[in-house]
Amino acid sequence: MNGYYDLRRVVGKVGVAKTDISPKKTGVVWVEAEMWSALSDEEIKAGEKVKVIDIKGLTLVVKRA
């Protein structure tokens, strides 16, 4: 692997919002046994299931699952 870590592996995975997320507020999600920063173009409440649709840097782009 030579130190390469494929972050794109989480795209398409389902996780859980640990905090509220909104278009104006980045939040935190639990996906693939890891905590991630996340953003969304819709309102998501803590506890709701989310699906990863993209990744920007180290931040996941999610929608309601």
N, C-alpha and C. Protein backbone atom coordinates (compact mmCIF):
# COMPACT_ATOMS: atom_id res chain seq x y z
N MET A 1 0.81 -1.20 0.00
CA MET A 1 0.00 0.00 0.00
C MET A 1 0.85 1.26 0.00
N ASN A 2 2.04 1.19 0.45
CA ASN A 2 2.97 2.32 0.41
C ASN A 2 2.43 3.58 1.07
N GLY A 3 1.70 3.44 2.18
CA GLY A 3 1.19 4.60 2.90
C GLY A 3 -0.06 5.20 2.30
N TYR A 4 -0.55 4.67 1.19
CA TYR A 4 -1.75 5.20 0.55
C TYR A 4 -2.99 4.66 1.26
N TYR A 5 -3.90 5.52 1.60
CA TYR A 5 -5.12 5.13 2.30
C TYR A 5 -6.29 5.61 1.45
N ASP A 6 -7.08 4.70 0.93
CA ASP A 6 -8.17 5.05 0.01
C ASP A 6 -9.38 5.58 0.77
N LEU A 7 -9.49 6.90 0.85
CA LEU A 7 -10.61 7.52 1.54
C LEU A 7 -11.92 7.32 0.79
N ARG A 8 -11.87 7.13 -0.52
CA ARG A 8 -13.08 6.99 -1.33
C ARG A 8 -13.84 5.70 -1.01
N ARG A 9 -13.23 4.81 -0.22
CA ARG A 9 -13.90 3.55 0.12
C ARG A 9 -15.20 3.77 0.87
N VAL A 10 -15.37 4.93 1.48
CA VAL A 10 -16.58 5.19 2.26
C VAL A 10 -17.74 5.72 1.41
N VAL A 11 -17.46 6.13 0.17
CA VAL A 11 -18.54 6.62 -0.70
C VAL A 11 -19.52 5.47 -0.96
N GLY A 12 -20.80 5.74 -0.73
CA GLY A 12 -21.84 4.73 -0.88
C GLY A 12 -22.19 4.02 0.42
N LYS A 13 -21.37 4.20 1.46
CA LYS A 13 -21.62 3.55 2.75
C LYS A 13 -22.67 4.32 3.54
N VAL A 14 -23.32 3.61 4.46
CA VAL A 14 -24.32 4.20 5.34
C VAL A 14 -23.75 4.31 6.73
N GLY A 15 -24.04 5.41 7.40
CA GLY A 15 -23.60 5.64 8.76
C GLY A 15 -24.67 6.36 9.56
N VAL A 16 -24.27 6.96 10.68
CA VAL A 16 -25.20 7.65 11.57
C VAL A 16 -24.65 9.04 11.89
N ALA A 17 -25.53 10.03 11.82
CA ALA A 17 -25.16 11.39 12.22
C ALA A 17 -25.01 11.42 13.74
N LYS A 18 -23.89 11.89 14.22
CA LYS A 18 -23.66 12.02 15.67
C LYS A 18 -24.03 13.41 16.15
N THR A 19 -24.09 14.38 15.24
CA THR A 19 -24.52 15.75 15.55
C THR A 19 -25.48 16.19 14.46
N ASP A 20 -26.18 17.29 14.68
CA ASP A 20 -27.00 17.86 13.63
C ASP A 20 -26.10 18.37 12.50
N ILE A 21 -26.58 18.26 11.27
CA ILE A 21 -25.86 18.74 10.09
C ILE A 21 -26.85 19.56 9.27
N SER A 22 -26.40 20.65 8.70
CA SER A 22 -27.26 21.47 7.85
C SER A 22 -26.40 22.11 6.76
N PRO A 23 -27.04 22.74 5.78
CA PRO A 23 -26.26 23.40 4.73
C PRO A 23 -25.30 24.46 5.28
N LYS A 24 -25.63 25.00 6.45
CA LYS A 24 -24.79 26.05 7.03
C LYS A 24 -23.91 25.55 8.17
N LYS A 25 -24.03 24.25 8.52
CA LYS A 25 -23.30 23.75 9.69
C LYS A 25 -22.73 22.36 9.43
N THR A 26 -21.43 22.26 9.44
CA THR A 26 -20.77 20.96 9.32
C THR A 26 -21.01 20.18 10.61
N GLY A 27 -21.16 18.87 10.48
CA GLY A 27 -21.39 18.03 11.65
C GLY A 27 -20.44 16.85 11.68
N VAL A 28 -20.80 15.86 12.48
CA VAL A 28 -19.98 14.66 12.66
C VAL A 28 -20.84 13.43 12.38
N VAL A 29 -20.28 12.47 11.64
CA VAL A 29 -20.96 11.21 11.37
C VAL A 29 -20.05 10.04 11.73
N TRP A 30 -20.67 8.88 11.98
CA TRP A 30 -19.97 7.64 12.26
C TRP A 30 -20.18 6.74 11.05
N VAL A 31 -19.10 6.46 10.32
CA VAL A 31 -19.17 5.62 9.12
C VAL A 31 -17.97 4.68 9.12
N GLU A 32 -18.24 3.38 8.87
CA GLU A 32 -17.15 2.39 8.79
C GLU A 32 -16.27 2.41 10.03
N ALA A 33 -16.89 2.48 11.19
CA ALA A 33 -16.20 2.44 12.49
C ALA A 33 -15.25 3.61 12.71
N GLU A 34 -15.54 4.75 12.05
CA GLU A 34 -14.72 5.95 12.22
C GLU A 34 -15.61 7.18 12.28
N MET A 35 -15.15 8.19 13.04
CA MET A 35 -15.83 9.48 13.09
C MET A 35 -15.28 10.34 11.96
N TRP A 36 -16.19 11.04 11.27
CA TRP A 36 -15.82 11.91 10.15
C TRP A 36 -16.54 13.25 10.29
N SER A 37 -15.91 14.31 9.79
CA SER A 37 -16.62 15.57 9.58
C SER A 37 -17.50 15.37 8.36
N ALA A 38 -18.67 16.01 8.38
CA ALA A 38 -19.59 15.83 7.27
C ALA A 38 -20.37 17.10 6.99
N LEU A 39 -20.75 17.25 5.73
CA LEU A 39 -21.62 18.35 5.33
C LEU A 39 -22.73 17.81 4.45
N SER A 40 -23.82 18.58 4.35
CA SER A 40 -24.97 18.16 3.59
C SER A 40 -25.72 19.38 3.08
N ASP A 41 -26.46 19.21 1.99
CA ASP A 41 -27.30 20.30 1.51
C ASP A 41 -28.72 20.19 2.05
N GLU A 42 -28.93 19.29 3.02
CA GLU A 42 -30.23 19.15 3.67
C GLU A 42 -30.04 19.07 5.18
N GLU A 43 -31.12 19.33 5.90
CA GLU A 43 -31.10 19.24 7.36
C GLU A 43 -31.08 17.78 7.78
N ILE A 44 -30.14 17.40 8.62
CA ILE A 44 -30.04 16.05 9.16
C ILE A 44 -29.89 16.17 10.66
N LYS A 45 -30.69 15.44 11.39
CA LYS A 45 -30.65 15.47 12.86
C LYS A 45 -29.75 14.37 13.40
N ALA A 46 -29.15 14.62 14.55
CA ALA A 46 -28.34 13.60 15.22
C ALA A 46 -29.17 12.34 15.39
N GLY A 47 -28.57 11.19 15.09
CA GLY A 47 -29.26 9.91 15.23
C GLY A 47 -29.83 9.38 13.92
N GLU A 48 -29.98 10.25 12.92
CA GLU A 48 -30.51 9.79 11.63
C GLU A 48 -29.43 9.06 10.84
N LYS A 49 -29.88 8.10 10.03
CA LYS A 49 -28.95 7.40 9.14
C LYS A 49 -28.61 8.30 7.97
N VAL A 50 -27.36 8.23 7.54
CA VAL A 50 -26.88 9.02 6.40
C VAL A 50 -26.18 8.11 5.40
N LYS A 51 -26.16 8.55 4.15
CA LYS A 51 -25.43 7.85 3.10
C LYS A 51 -24.38 8.79 2.56
N VAL A 52 -23.16 8.30 2.40
CA VAL A 52 -22.06 9.11 1.88
C VAL A 52 -22.19 9.18 0.37
N ILE A 53 -22.25 10.41 -0.18
CA ILE A 53 -22.37 10.56 -1.63
C ILE A 53 -21.10 11.11 -2.27
N ASP A 54 -20.19 11.67 -1.47
CA ASP A 54 -18.93 12.21 -2.01
C ASP A 54 -17.99 12.47 -0.84
N ILE A 55 -16.77 12.79 -1.16
CA ILE A 55 -15.79 13.19 -0.15
C ILE A 55 -14.99 14.36 -0.69
N LYS A 56 -14.83 15.38 0.13
CA LYS A 56 -14.08 16.58 -0.23
C LYS A 56 -12.98 16.76 0.79
N GLY A 57 -11.76 16.46 0.41
CA GLY A 57 -10.65 16.50 1.36
C GLY A 57 -10.86 15.40 2.38
N LEU A 58 -11.03 15.79 3.64
CA LEU A 58 -11.30 14.82 4.71
C LEU A 58 -12.72 14.96 5.24
N THR A 59 -13.58 15.64 4.48
CA THR A 59 -14.97 15.86 4.89
C THR A 59 -15.89 15.08 3.97
N LEU A 60 -16.82 14.32 4.58
CA LEU A 60 -17.78 13.55 3.79
C LEU A 60 -18.96 14.43 3.41
N VAL A 61 -19.50 14.21 2.22
CA VAL A 61 -20.74 14.83 1.79
C VAL A 61 -21.80 13.75 1.92
N VAL A 62 -22.85 14.04 2.71
CA VAL A 62 -23.86 13.03 3.02
C VAL A 62 -25.26 13.51 2.70
N LYS A 63 -26.19 12.53 2.62
CA LYS A 63 -27.62 12.81 2.52
C LYS A 63 -28.31 11.82 3.45
N ARG A 64 -29.60 12.08 3.73
CA ARG A 64 -30.37 11.15 4.54
C ARG A 64 -30.45 9.81 3.84
N ALA A 65 -30.27 8.74 4.59
CA ALA A 65 -30.33 7.38 3.99
C ALA A 65 -31.76 6.89 3.95
